């Protein structure tokens, strides 16, 4: 029996890690085997090269920010024509590898496979207000394997940045808008903001249906 493929997406600080853990515990209590896959660790192509480019060329702070010591990240929020072109090429390779990973997961596993981020998170960092970014996203969405259930955890950018102060607030607002655009394009399941238990219950309700 093929596993159920589930993905979690959303802006940094939306609570993805917390909700993935809670869904994993819920499924384990039901006796459902679960496998976790992190998009950056298990799917993206050339991760070390990309991380090294951000650190050495873009001078990005790779740390996770805290309220008393915000990080100064310069990676997906740094956008100009050459960088966007390069990322678009890399995203295409990511989708090709994603197809391979999902095919293998379906052949080797049963139960539920949970992706911590998906190709939607890569696309959301593009300037989706631009026609070319939307056209490119539609192209990759046609090629990418669609999960059985794709969650987008919505969050107020100010609240999310207070949890993980890594990126400028202006970028966080645009980032959220991109997710809302992708939600319509890819028919993703939007989970409204709430406290941890409210969000978990909404996730479980969608899973049961």
N, C-alpha and C. Protein backbone atom coordinates (compact mmCIF):
# COMPACT_ATOMS: atom_id res chain seq x y z
N UNK A 1 0.85 -1.20 0.00
CA UNK A 1 0.00 0.00 0.00
C UNK A 1 0.88 1.24 0.00
N UNK A 2 0.64 2.15 -0.94
CA UNK A 2 1.43 3.37 -1.01
C UNK A 2 1.17 4.26 0.21
N UNK A 3 2.20 4.97 0.66
CA UNK A 3 2.00 5.87 1.80
C UNK A 3 1.23 7.12 1.39
N UNK A 4 0.70 7.78 2.39
CA UNK A 4 0.09 9.08 2.19
C UNK A 4 1.21 10.12 2.25
N UNK A 5 1.31 10.97 1.24
CA UNK A 5 2.33 12.00 1.20
C UNK A 5 1.73 13.31 1.70
N UNK A 6 2.32 13.86 2.75
CA UNK A 6 1.82 15.09 3.38
C UNK A 6 2.96 16.10 3.42
N UNK A 7 2.65 17.36 3.11
CA UNK A 7 3.68 18.40 3.16
C UNK A 7 3.22 19.56 4.04
N UNK A 8 4.18 20.19 4.69
CA UNK A 8 3.94 21.37 5.51
C UNK A 8 4.75 22.53 4.94
N UNK A 9 4.09 23.66 4.71
CA UNK A 9 4.75 24.86 4.20
C UNK A 9 4.29 26.07 4.99
N UNK A 10 5.01 27.18 4.82
CA UNK A 10 4.63 28.41 5.49
C UNK A 10 5.84 29.26 5.79
N UNK A 11 5.61 30.52 6.10
CA UNK A 11 6.71 31.44 6.37
C UNK A 11 7.47 30.98 7.61
N UNK A 12 8.71 31.43 7.72
CA UNK A 12 9.52 31.12 8.89
C UNK A 12 8.84 31.66 10.14
N UNK A 13 8.74 30.79 11.16
CA UNK A 13 8.08 31.20 12.38
C UNK A 13 6.60 30.87 12.42
N UNK A 14 6.08 30.19 11.39
CA UNK A 14 4.66 29.86 11.35
C UNK A 14 4.31 28.68 12.26
N UNK A 15 5.31 27.94 12.70
CA UNK A 15 5.06 26.81 13.59
C UNK A 15 5.07 25.45 12.92
N UNK A 16 5.74 25.34 11.78
CA UNK A 16 5.76 24.07 11.04
C UNK A 16 6.36 22.93 11.85
N UNK A 17 7.52 23.17 12.45
CA UNK A 17 8.20 22.10 13.20
C UNK A 17 7.33 21.59 14.34
N UNK A 18 6.70 22.51 15.06
CA UNK A 18 5.84 22.13 16.17
C UNK A 18 4.67 21.29 15.69
N UNK A 19 4.04 21.71 14.61
CA UNK A 19 2.86 20.99 14.13
C UNK A 19 3.22 19.66 13.47
N UNK A 20 4.37 19.58 12.85
CA UNK A 20 4.82 18.29 12.31
C UNK A 20 5.03 17.30 13.45
N UNK A 21 5.66 17.75 14.52
CA UNK A 21 5.87 16.88 15.67
C UNK A 21 4.54 16.42 16.27
N UNK A 22 3.59 17.33 16.38
CA UNK A 22 2.30 16.97 16.97
C UNK A 22 1.53 16.00 16.07
N UNK A 23 1.60 16.20 14.76
CA UNK A 23 0.94 15.25 13.85
C UNK A 23 1.63 13.90 13.92
N UNK A 24 2.96 13.89 14.01
CA UNK A 24 3.69 12.64 14.12
C UNK A 24 3.25 11.87 15.38
N UNK A 25 3.13 12.58 16.51
CA UNK A 25 2.70 11.95 17.75
C UNK A 25 1.27 11.43 17.65
N UNK A 26 0.41 12.21 17.00
CA UNK A 26 -0.98 11.79 16.81
C UNK A 26 -1.04 10.51 15.98
N UNK A 27 -0.29 10.46 14.89
CA UNK A 27 -0.32 9.28 14.04
C UNK A 27 0.29 8.08 14.73
N UNK A 28 1.36 8.30 15.50
CA UNK A 28 1.99 7.20 16.23
C UNK A 28 1.01 6.60 17.23
N UNK A 29 0.21 7.45 17.87
CA UNK A 29 -0.79 6.96 18.83
C UNK A 29 -1.86 6.13 18.14
N UNK A 30 -2.06 6.37 16.82
CA UNK A 30 -3.02 5.58 16.04
C UNK A 30 -2.38 4.33 15.43
N UNK A 31 -1.09 4.15 15.70
CA UNK A 31 -0.38 3.00 15.15
C UNK A 31 0.02 3.16 13.70
N UNK A 32 0.07 4.40 13.22
CA UNK A 32 0.42 4.67 11.82
C UNK A 32 1.92 4.96 11.72
N UNK A 33 2.67 4.20 10.92
CA UNK A 33 4.10 4.49 10.76
C UNK A 33 4.29 5.81 10.02
N UNK A 34 5.29 6.57 10.45
CA UNK A 34 5.55 7.89 9.88
C UNK A 34 7.03 8.00 9.53
N UNK A 35 7.30 8.57 8.38
CA UNK A 35 8.66 8.91 7.99
C UNK A 35 8.73 10.40 7.69
N UNK A 36 9.77 11.06 8.20
CA UNK A 36 9.96 12.49 7.97
C UNK A 36 11.02 12.72 6.90
N UNK A 37 10.76 13.68 6.03
CA UNK A 37 11.74 14.12 5.04
C UNK A 37 11.80 15.64 5.08
N UNK A 38 13.00 16.18 5.24
CA UNK A 38 13.19 17.63 5.22
C UNK A 38 13.60 18.03 3.81
N UNK A 39 12.90 18.99 3.24
CA UNK A 39 13.15 19.36 1.85
C UNK A 39 14.60 19.78 1.63
N UNK A 40 15.14 20.58 2.56
CA UNK A 40 16.52 21.06 2.37
C UNK A 40 17.52 19.92 2.50
N UNK A 41 17.30 19.03 3.45
CA UNK A 41 18.28 17.96 3.70
C UNK A 41 18.14 16.79 2.73
N UNK A 42 16.93 16.49 2.30
CA UNK A 42 16.69 15.27 1.53
C UNK A 42 16.37 15.48 0.06
N UNK A 43 16.08 16.71 -0.35
CA UNK A 43 15.63 16.92 -1.72
C UNK A 43 16.50 17.89 -2.50
N UNK A 44 16.79 19.07 -1.97
CA UNK A 44 17.44 20.10 -2.77
C UNK A 44 18.78 19.62 -3.31
N UNK A 45 19.11 20.07 -4.50
CA UNK A 45 20.37 19.74 -5.13
C UNK A 45 21.45 20.72 -4.69
N UNK A 46 22.65 20.22 -4.51
CA UNK A 46 23.83 21.02 -4.17
C UNK A 46 23.62 21.86 -2.89
N UNK A 47 23.14 21.26 -1.81
CA UNK A 47 22.86 22.06 -0.61
C UNK A 47 24.09 22.74 -0.02
N UNK A 48 25.23 22.06 0.00
CA UNK A 48 26.44 22.66 0.58
C UNK A 48 26.91 23.84 -0.26
N UNK A 49 26.85 23.67 -1.58
CA UNK A 49 27.25 24.75 -2.47
C UNK A 49 26.34 25.96 -2.28
N UNK A 50 25.07 25.74 -2.15
CA UNK A 50 24.11 26.83 -1.98
C UNK A 50 24.29 27.52 -0.63
N UNK A 51 24.49 26.73 0.42
CA UNK A 51 24.71 27.33 1.73
C UNK A 51 26.02 28.10 1.77
N UNK A 52 27.06 27.55 1.13
CA UNK A 52 28.34 28.24 1.09
C UNK A 52 28.26 29.55 0.31
N UNK A 53 27.49 29.56 -0.76
CA UNK A 53 27.32 30.78 -1.54
C UNK A 53 26.66 31.87 -0.69
N UNK A 54 25.63 31.47 0.08
CA UNK A 54 24.95 32.45 0.93
C UNK A 54 25.90 33.03 1.97
N UNK A 55 26.72 32.17 2.57
CA UNK A 55 27.62 32.64 3.62
C UNK A 55 28.75 33.49 3.07
N UNK A 56 29.39 33.00 2.01
CA UNK A 56 30.62 33.65 1.54
C UNK A 56 30.35 34.82 0.59
N UNK A 57 29.38 34.66 -0.29
CA UNK A 57 29.12 35.70 -1.29
C UNK A 57 28.10 36.72 -0.78
N UNK A 58 27.00 36.22 -0.25
CA UNK A 58 25.95 37.13 0.22
C UNK A 58 26.18 37.59 1.66
N UNK A 59 27.18 37.00 2.33
CA UNK A 59 27.50 37.36 3.72
C UNK A 59 26.31 37.17 4.64
N UNK A 60 25.65 36.02 4.49
CA UNK A 60 24.46 35.73 5.28
C UNK A 60 24.83 35.15 6.63
N UNK A 61 24.09 35.55 7.64
CA UNK A 61 24.21 34.98 8.98
C UNK A 61 23.38 33.69 8.98
N UNK A 62 24.04 32.57 9.12
CA UNK A 62 23.34 31.29 9.04
C UNK A 62 22.67 30.86 10.32
N UNK A 63 22.75 31.69 11.37
CA UNK A 63 22.16 31.32 12.65
C UNK A 63 20.66 31.55 12.66
N UNK A 64 19.99 30.90 13.61
CA UNK A 64 18.57 31.14 13.85
C UNK A 64 18.45 32.29 14.83
N UNK A 65 17.73 33.31 14.46
CA UNK A 65 17.63 34.49 15.31
C UNK A 65 16.80 34.26 16.56
N UNK A 66 17.07 35.04 17.58
CA UNK A 66 16.29 35.05 18.81
C UNK A 66 15.82 36.47 19.05
N UNK A 67 14.76 36.66 19.84
CA UNK A 67 14.25 38.02 20.07
C UNK A 67 15.30 38.99 20.59
N UNK A 68 16.23 38.50 21.42
CA UNK A 68 17.26 39.40 21.95
C UNK A 68 18.47 39.52 21.04
N UNK A 69 18.55 38.64 20.04
CA UNK A 69 19.67 38.70 19.09
C UNK A 69 19.18 38.28 17.70
N UNK A 70 18.54 39.21 16.97
CA UNK A 70 18.03 38.88 15.64
C UNK A 70 19.16 38.48 14.69
N UNK A 71 18.87 37.55 13.80
CA UNK A 71 19.84 37.14 12.78
C UNK A 71 19.79 38.12 11.62
N UNK A 72 20.81 38.07 10.80
CA UNK A 72 20.88 38.91 9.60
C UNK A 72 21.05 38.00 8.40
N UNK A 73 19.93 37.38 8.01
CA UNK A 73 19.97 36.43 6.91
C UNK A 73 19.94 37.16 5.58
N UNK A 74 20.78 36.69 4.67
CA UNK A 74 20.78 37.19 3.29
C UNK A 74 20.84 35.98 2.37
N UNK A 75 19.71 35.44 2.10
CA UNK A 75 19.64 34.32 1.16
C UNK A 75 18.39 34.49 0.29
N UNK A 76 17.28 33.85 0.63
CA UNK A 76 16.10 33.96 -0.21
C UNK A 76 15.52 35.37 -0.26
N UNK A 77 15.82 36.18 0.74
CA UNK A 77 15.31 37.55 0.75
C UNK A 77 16.17 38.50 -0.09
N UNK A 78 17.36 38.05 -0.51
CA UNK A 78 18.21 38.85 -1.38
C UNK A 78 17.84 38.53 -2.82
N UNK A 79 17.29 39.50 -3.52
CA UNK A 79 16.74 39.23 -4.84
C UNK A 79 17.20 40.26 -5.85
N UNK A 80 17.84 39.76 -6.90
CA UNK A 80 18.16 40.56 -8.08
C UNK A 80 18.10 39.62 -9.27
N UNK A 81 18.21 40.16 -10.46
CA UNK A 81 17.99 39.35 -11.67
C UNK A 81 18.92 38.13 -11.75
N UNK A 82 20.25 38.29 -11.57
CA UNK A 82 21.12 37.11 -11.67
C UNK A 82 20.80 36.05 -10.61
N UNK A 83 20.53 36.48 -9.37
CA UNK A 83 20.22 35.52 -8.32
C UNK A 83 18.90 34.79 -8.60
N UNK A 84 17.90 35.52 -9.05
CA UNK A 84 16.61 34.90 -9.34
C UNK A 84 16.71 33.91 -10.49
N UNK A 85 17.50 34.25 -11.48
CA UNK A 85 17.70 33.33 -12.60
C UNK A 85 18.39 32.06 -12.12
N UNK A 86 19.46 32.23 -11.34
CA UNK A 86 20.17 31.06 -10.83
C UNK A 86 19.29 30.19 -9.95
N UNK A 87 18.49 30.81 -9.09
CA UNK A 87 17.60 30.04 -8.22
C UNK A 87 16.54 29.31 -9.02
N UNK A 88 16.04 29.94 -10.07
CA UNK A 88 15.02 29.30 -10.89
C UNK A 88 15.56 28.03 -11.53
N UNK A 89 16.79 28.08 -11.99
CA UNK A 89 17.42 26.88 -12.57
C UNK A 89 17.56 25.81 -11.50
N UNK A 90 18.00 26.20 -10.30
CA UNK A 90 18.15 25.24 -9.22
C UNK A 90 16.81 24.65 -8.81
N UNK A 91 15.76 25.45 -8.81
CA UNK A 91 14.44 24.95 -8.45
C UNK A 91 13.98 23.88 -9.43
N UNK A 92 14.33 24.05 -10.69
CA UNK A 92 13.98 23.02 -11.68
C UNK A 92 14.67 21.70 -11.34
N UNK A 93 15.96 21.76 -11.01
CA UNK A 93 16.68 20.54 -10.62
C UNK A 93 16.09 19.96 -9.33
N UNK A 94 15.66 20.83 -8.42
CA UNK A 94 15.03 20.35 -7.18
C UNK A 94 13.78 19.55 -7.48
N UNK A 95 12.98 20.03 -8.43
CA UNK A 95 11.74 19.34 -8.78
C UNK A 95 12.05 17.98 -9.41
N UNK A 96 13.06 17.94 -10.25
CA UNK A 96 13.44 16.65 -10.86
C UNK A 96 13.83 15.66 -9.77
N UNK A 97 14.63 16.12 -8.81
CA UNK A 97 15.03 15.23 -7.71
C UNK A 97 13.84 14.90 -6.81
N UNK A 98 12.94 15.84 -6.63
CA UNK A 98 11.75 15.60 -5.82
C UNK A 98 10.91 14.46 -6.41
N UNK A 99 10.78 14.44 -7.71
CA UNK A 99 10.05 13.35 -8.36
C UNK A 99 10.68 12.00 -8.02
N UNK A 100 12.00 11.95 -8.03
CA UNK A 100 12.70 10.71 -7.71
C UNK A 100 12.48 10.31 -6.24
N UNK A 101 12.57 11.31 -5.34
CA UNK A 101 12.41 11.04 -3.91
C UNK A 101 11.00 10.54 -3.60
N UNK A 102 9.99 11.20 -4.18
CA UNK A 102 8.61 10.80 -3.92
C UNK A 102 8.33 9.41 -4.49
N UNK A 103 8.82 9.13 -5.67
CA UNK A 103 8.62 7.81 -6.27
C UNK A 103 9.24 6.72 -5.40
N UNK A 104 10.44 6.98 -4.90
CA UNK A 104 11.10 6.00 -4.04
C UNK A 104 10.37 5.84 -2.71
N UNK A 105 9.88 6.96 -2.15
CA UNK A 105 9.15 6.88 -0.88
C UNK A 105 7.88 6.07 -1.03
N UNK A 106 7.20 6.23 -2.14
CA UNK A 106 5.96 5.47 -2.37
C UNK A 106 6.25 3.98 -2.54
N UNK A 107 7.42 3.66 -3.09
CA UNK A 107 7.76 2.25 -3.31
C UNK A 107 8.26 1.58 -2.04
N UNK A 108 8.90 2.36 -1.15
CA UNK A 108 9.58 1.77 0.00
C UNK A 108 8.80 1.87 1.30
N UNK A 109 7.79 2.73 1.37
CA UNK A 109 7.15 3.02 2.63
C UNK A 109 5.65 2.77 2.59
N UNK A 110 5.09 2.64 3.77
CA UNK A 110 3.64 2.65 3.95
C UNK A 110 3.35 3.63 5.08
N UNK A 111 2.10 3.86 5.36
CA UNK A 111 1.77 4.82 6.40
C UNK A 111 1.74 6.22 5.86
N UNK A 112 2.52 7.12 6.48
CA UNK A 112 2.53 8.53 6.10
C UNK A 112 3.97 9.01 5.96
N UNK A 113 4.24 9.73 4.90
CA UNK A 113 5.52 10.41 4.70
C UNK A 113 5.26 11.91 4.81
N UNK A 114 5.91 12.57 5.77
CA UNK A 114 5.71 14.00 6.00
C UNK A 114 6.92 14.77 5.50
N UNK A 115 6.68 15.72 4.61
CA UNK A 115 7.72 16.62 4.12
C UNK A 115 7.70 17.91 4.93
N UNK A 116 8.83 18.23 5.54
CA UNK A 116 9.02 19.52 6.19
C UNK A 116 9.48 20.49 5.11
N UNK A 117 8.57 21.28 4.61
CA UNK A 117 8.70 22.14 3.43
C UNK A 117 8.63 21.29 2.16
N UNK A 118 8.31 22.00 1.06
CA UNK A 118 8.13 21.34 -0.22
C UNK A 118 8.55 22.33 -1.29
N UNK A 119 8.32 22.01 -2.55
CA UNK A 119 8.71 22.94 -3.61
C UNK A 119 7.94 24.25 -3.49
N UNK A 120 6.78 24.22 -2.83
CA UNK A 120 6.01 25.44 -2.65
C UNK A 120 6.82 26.49 -1.88
N UNK A 121 7.64 26.05 -0.94
CA UNK A 121 8.42 26.99 -0.15
C UNK A 121 9.54 27.63 -0.97
N UNK A 122 10.07 26.90 -1.93
CA UNK A 122 11.07 27.47 -2.83
C UNK A 122 10.42 28.53 -3.72
N UNK A 123 9.26 28.20 -4.25
CA UNK A 123 8.57 29.12 -5.15
C UNK A 123 8.07 30.36 -4.43
N UNK A 124 7.68 30.21 -3.16
CA UNK A 124 7.15 31.35 -2.41
C UNK A 124 8.19 32.44 -2.21
N UNK A 125 9.47 32.08 -2.27
CA UNK A 125 10.53 33.08 -2.11
C UNK A 125 10.76 33.89 -3.38
N UNK A 126 10.15 33.48 -4.48
CA UNK A 126 10.23 34.27 -5.71
C UNK A 126 9.25 35.44 -5.64
N UNK A 127 9.49 36.49 -6.41
CA UNK A 127 8.58 37.65 -6.40
C UNK A 127 7.28 37.32 -7.15
N UNK A 128 6.35 36.69 -6.45
CA UNK A 128 5.15 36.17 -7.10
C UNK A 128 4.23 37.27 -7.62
N UNK A 129 4.52 38.52 -7.29
CA UNK A 129 3.74 39.62 -7.87
C UNK A 129 4.11 39.84 -9.33
N UNK A 130 5.22 39.22 -9.77
CA UNK A 130 5.67 39.36 -11.15
C UNK A 130 5.05 38.26 -12.02
N UNK A 131 4.71 38.62 -13.25
CA UNK A 131 4.06 37.65 -14.14
C UNK A 131 4.97 36.47 -14.44
N UNK A 132 6.29 36.74 -14.58
CA UNK A 132 7.20 35.67 -14.95
C UNK A 132 7.33 34.66 -13.81
N UNK A 133 7.30 35.14 -12.55
CA UNK A 133 7.40 34.23 -11.40
C UNK A 133 6.16 33.34 -11.32
N UNK A 134 4.99 33.92 -11.58
CA UNK A 134 3.76 33.11 -11.57
C UNK A 134 3.77 32.08 -12.69
N UNK A 135 4.24 32.50 -13.87
CA UNK A 135 4.29 31.57 -15.01
C UNK A 135 5.28 30.44 -14.73
N UNK A 136 6.42 30.79 -14.15
CA UNK A 136 7.43 29.76 -13.81
C UNK A 136 6.87 28.82 -12.74
N UNK A 137 6.17 29.37 -11.75
CA UNK A 137 5.59 28.53 -10.71
C UNK A 137 4.59 27.56 -11.30
N UNK A 138 3.74 28.03 -12.22
CA UNK A 138 2.76 27.13 -12.84
C UNK A 138 3.46 26.00 -13.59
N UNK A 139 4.57 26.32 -14.26
CA UNK A 139 5.32 25.31 -14.99
C UNK A 139 5.84 24.24 -14.04
N UNK A 140 6.49 24.66 -12.96
CA UNK A 140 7.06 23.68 -12.03
C UNK A 140 5.97 22.90 -11.30
N UNK A 141 4.85 23.55 -11.02
CA UNK A 141 3.76 22.85 -10.34
C UNK A 141 3.18 21.74 -11.22
N UNK A 142 3.26 21.90 -12.53
CA UNK A 142 2.80 20.84 -13.43
C UNK A 142 3.76 19.66 -13.42
N UNK A 143 5.03 19.94 -13.16
CA UNK A 143 6.05 18.88 -13.19
C UNK A 143 6.20 18.21 -11.83
N UNK A 144 6.04 18.96 -10.77
CA UNK A 144 6.27 18.45 -9.42
C UNK A 144 5.20 17.44 -9.01
N UNK A 145 5.57 16.39 -8.30
CA UNK A 145 4.55 15.47 -7.77
C UNK A 145 3.72 16.16 -6.71
N UNK A 146 2.42 16.03 -6.76
CA UNK A 146 1.55 16.69 -5.81
C UNK A 146 1.30 15.79 -4.61
N UNK A 147 1.55 16.29 -3.40
CA UNK A 147 1.25 15.47 -2.21
C UNK A 147 -0.24 15.17 -2.11
N UNK A 148 -0.56 14.16 -1.32
CA UNK A 148 -1.97 13.84 -1.08
C UNK A 148 -2.63 14.93 -0.24
N UNK A 149 -1.84 15.58 0.61
CA UNK A 149 -2.35 16.65 1.46
C UNK A 149 -1.24 17.66 1.68
N UNK A 150 -1.49 18.91 1.32
CA UNK A 150 -0.47 19.96 1.43
C UNK A 150 -0.98 21.07 2.33
N UNK A 151 -0.37 21.21 3.48
CA UNK A 151 -0.75 22.25 4.43
C UNK A 151 0.10 23.51 4.21
N UNK A 152 -0.55 24.65 4.28
CA UNK A 152 0.15 25.93 4.39
C UNK A 152 -0.29 26.55 5.71
N UNK A 153 0.66 26.69 6.64
CA UNK A 153 0.34 27.29 7.92
C UNK A 153 0.45 28.80 7.78
N UNK A 154 -0.69 29.47 7.87
CA UNK A 154 -0.70 30.93 7.77
C UNK A 154 -0.25 31.52 9.11
N UNK A 155 0.32 32.71 9.05
CA UNK A 155 0.78 33.39 10.26
C UNK A 155 0.89 34.87 9.99
N UNK A 156 0.64 35.65 11.01
CA UNK A 156 0.86 37.08 10.93
C UNK A 156 2.37 37.33 10.83
N UNK A 157 2.84 38.05 9.81
CA UNK A 157 4.29 38.24 9.66
C UNK A 157 4.97 38.83 10.89
N UNK A 158 4.30 39.77 11.56
CA UNK A 158 4.90 40.37 12.75
C UNK A 158 5.07 39.34 13.86
N UNK A 159 4.06 38.49 14.05
CA UNK A 159 4.13 37.46 15.08
C UNK A 159 5.18 36.42 14.72
N UNK A 160 5.20 36.00 13.45
CA UNK A 160 6.17 35.01 13.02
C UNK A 160 7.60 35.53 13.16
N UNK A 161 7.82 36.79 12.82
CA UNK A 161 9.16 37.35 12.93
C UNK A 161 9.58 37.49 14.39
N UNK A 162 8.64 37.73 15.28
CA UNK A 162 8.97 37.79 16.70
C UNK A 162 9.46 36.43 17.19
N UNK A 163 8.91 35.36 16.62
CA UNK A 163 9.35 34.01 17.00
C UNK A 163 10.73 33.70 16.43
N UNK A 164 10.90 34.03 15.14
CA UNK A 164 12.16 33.75 14.46
C UNK A 164 12.61 35.01 13.72
N UNK A 165 13.28 35.92 14.42
CA UNK A 165 13.70 37.18 13.78
C UNK A 165 14.93 37.00 12.89
N UNK A 166 14.70 36.53 11.68
CA UNK A 166 15.78 36.27 10.74
C UNK A 166 15.74 37.17 9.51
N UNK A 167 14.51 37.49 9.06
CA UNK A 167 14.36 38.24 7.82
C UNK A 167 13.63 39.55 8.07
N UNK A 168 13.87 40.56 7.22
CA UNK A 168 13.17 41.85 7.38
C UNK A 168 11.66 41.68 7.28
N UNK A 169 10.94 42.51 8.00
CA UNK A 169 9.48 42.41 8.04
C UNK A 169 8.86 42.62 6.67
N UNK A 170 9.43 43.53 5.87
CA UNK A 170 8.88 43.77 4.53
C UNK A 170 8.94 42.50 3.69
N UNK A 171 10.05 41.76 3.78
CA UNK A 171 10.16 40.51 3.05
C UNK A 171 9.15 39.50 3.57
N UNK A 172 8.98 39.43 4.89
CA UNK A 172 8.05 38.47 5.48
C UNK A 172 6.62 38.71 4.98
N UNK A 173 6.25 39.98 4.82
CA UNK A 173 4.91 40.27 4.30
C UNK A 173 4.76 39.81 2.85
N UNK A 174 5.76 40.07 2.03
CA UNK A 174 5.72 39.62 0.64
C UNK A 174 5.74 38.09 0.56
N UNK A 175 6.51 37.49 1.44
CA UNK A 175 6.63 36.04 1.51
C UNK A 175 5.26 35.41 1.80
N UNK A 176 4.56 35.95 2.78
CA UNK A 176 3.23 35.46 3.10
C UNK A 176 2.28 35.62 1.91
N UNK A 177 2.34 36.76 1.24
CA UNK A 177 1.48 36.99 0.07
C UNK A 177 1.74 35.96 -1.01
N UNK A 178 3.00 35.57 -1.17
CA UNK A 178 3.34 34.55 -2.16
C UNK A 178 2.72 33.20 -1.81
N UNK A 179 2.72 32.85 -0.54
CA UNK A 179 2.09 31.60 -0.12
C UNK A 179 0.59 31.62 -0.41
N UNK A 180 -0.05 32.75 -0.16
CA UNK A 180 -1.48 32.85 -0.41
C UNK A 180 -1.77 32.74 -1.91
N UNK A 181 -0.89 33.27 -2.74
CA UNK A 181 -1.03 33.12 -4.19
C UNK A 181 -0.85 31.67 -4.60
N UNK A 182 0.17 31.02 -4.05
CA UNK A 182 0.43 29.62 -4.37
C UNK A 182 -0.70 28.71 -3.87
N UNK A 183 -1.29 29.10 -2.77
CA UNK A 183 -2.40 28.32 -2.24
C UNK A 183 -3.51 28.20 -3.29
N UNK A 184 -3.79 29.30 -3.98
CA UNK A 184 -4.82 29.27 -5.02
C UNK A 184 -4.35 28.50 -6.25
N UNK A 185 -3.09 28.69 -6.62
CA UNK A 185 -2.56 28.05 -7.82
C UNK A 185 -2.48 26.54 -7.69
N UNK A 186 -2.08 26.07 -6.49
CA UNK A 186 -1.83 24.63 -6.30
C UNK A 186 -2.89 23.94 -5.46
N UNK A 187 -3.93 24.67 -5.08
CA UNK A 187 -5.02 24.10 -4.29
C UNK A 187 -4.49 23.51 -2.98
N UNK A 188 -3.77 24.33 -2.24
CA UNK A 188 -3.19 23.90 -0.97
C UNK A 188 -4.19 24.13 0.17
N UNK A 189 -4.02 23.38 1.24
CA UNK A 189 -4.91 23.48 2.39
C UNK A 189 -4.39 24.55 3.35
N UNK A 190 -5.08 25.67 3.43
CA UNK A 190 -4.65 26.77 4.29
C UNK A 190 -5.14 26.53 5.72
N UNK A 191 -4.21 26.62 6.67
CA UNK A 191 -4.54 26.50 8.09
C UNK A 191 -4.41 27.88 8.72
N UNK A 192 -5.51 28.40 9.23
CA UNK A 192 -5.52 29.76 9.78
C UNK A 192 -4.70 29.84 11.06
N UNK A 193 -4.20 31.03 11.40
CA UNK A 193 -3.43 31.18 12.64
C UNK A 193 -4.29 30.89 13.87
N UNK A 194 -3.64 30.43 14.91
CA UNK A 194 -4.30 30.14 16.17
C UNK A 194 -3.27 29.67 17.17
N UNK A 195 -3.72 29.27 18.37
CA UNK A 195 -2.74 28.73 19.30
C UNK A 195 -2.37 27.32 18.86
N UNK A 196 -1.38 26.73 19.51
CA UNK A 196 -0.81 25.46 19.06
C UNK A 196 -1.87 24.37 18.95
N UNK A 197 -2.73 24.27 19.96
CA UNK A 197 -3.73 23.20 19.96
C UNK A 197 -4.82 23.45 18.92
N UNK A 198 -5.19 24.70 18.72
CA UNK A 198 -6.20 25.00 17.70
C UNK A 198 -5.70 24.64 16.31
N UNK A 199 -4.45 25.00 16.04
CA UNK A 199 -3.86 24.69 14.73
C UNK A 199 -3.75 23.18 14.56
N UNK A 200 -3.30 22.49 15.60
CA UNK A 200 -3.18 21.03 15.53
C UNK A 200 -4.53 20.39 15.24
N UNK A 201 -5.57 20.86 15.89
CA UNK A 201 -6.91 20.29 15.67
C UNK A 201 -7.37 20.52 14.23
N UNK A 202 -7.09 21.71 13.69
CA UNK A 202 -7.45 21.98 12.30
C UNK A 202 -6.70 21.06 11.35
N UNK A 203 -5.44 20.79 11.65
CA UNK A 203 -4.64 19.88 10.83
C UNK A 203 -5.20 18.46 10.89
N UNK A 204 -5.53 18.01 12.08
CA UNK A 204 -6.09 16.66 12.24
C UNK A 204 -7.45 16.56 11.55
N UNK A 205 -8.26 17.58 11.66
CA UNK A 205 -9.58 17.55 11.01
C UNK A 205 -9.43 17.40 9.50
N UNK A 206 -8.50 18.14 8.91
CA UNK A 206 -8.26 18.03 7.45
C UNK A 206 -7.72 16.64 7.12
N UNK A 207 -6.86 16.12 7.97
CA UNK A 207 -6.28 14.79 7.73
C UNK A 207 -7.36 13.72 7.74
N UNK A 208 -8.28 13.81 8.67
CA UNK A 208 -9.35 12.81 8.76
C UNK A 208 -10.28 12.85 7.55
N UNK A 209 -10.44 14.06 7.00
CA UNK A 209 -11.35 14.20 5.86
C UNK A 209 -10.68 13.83 4.55
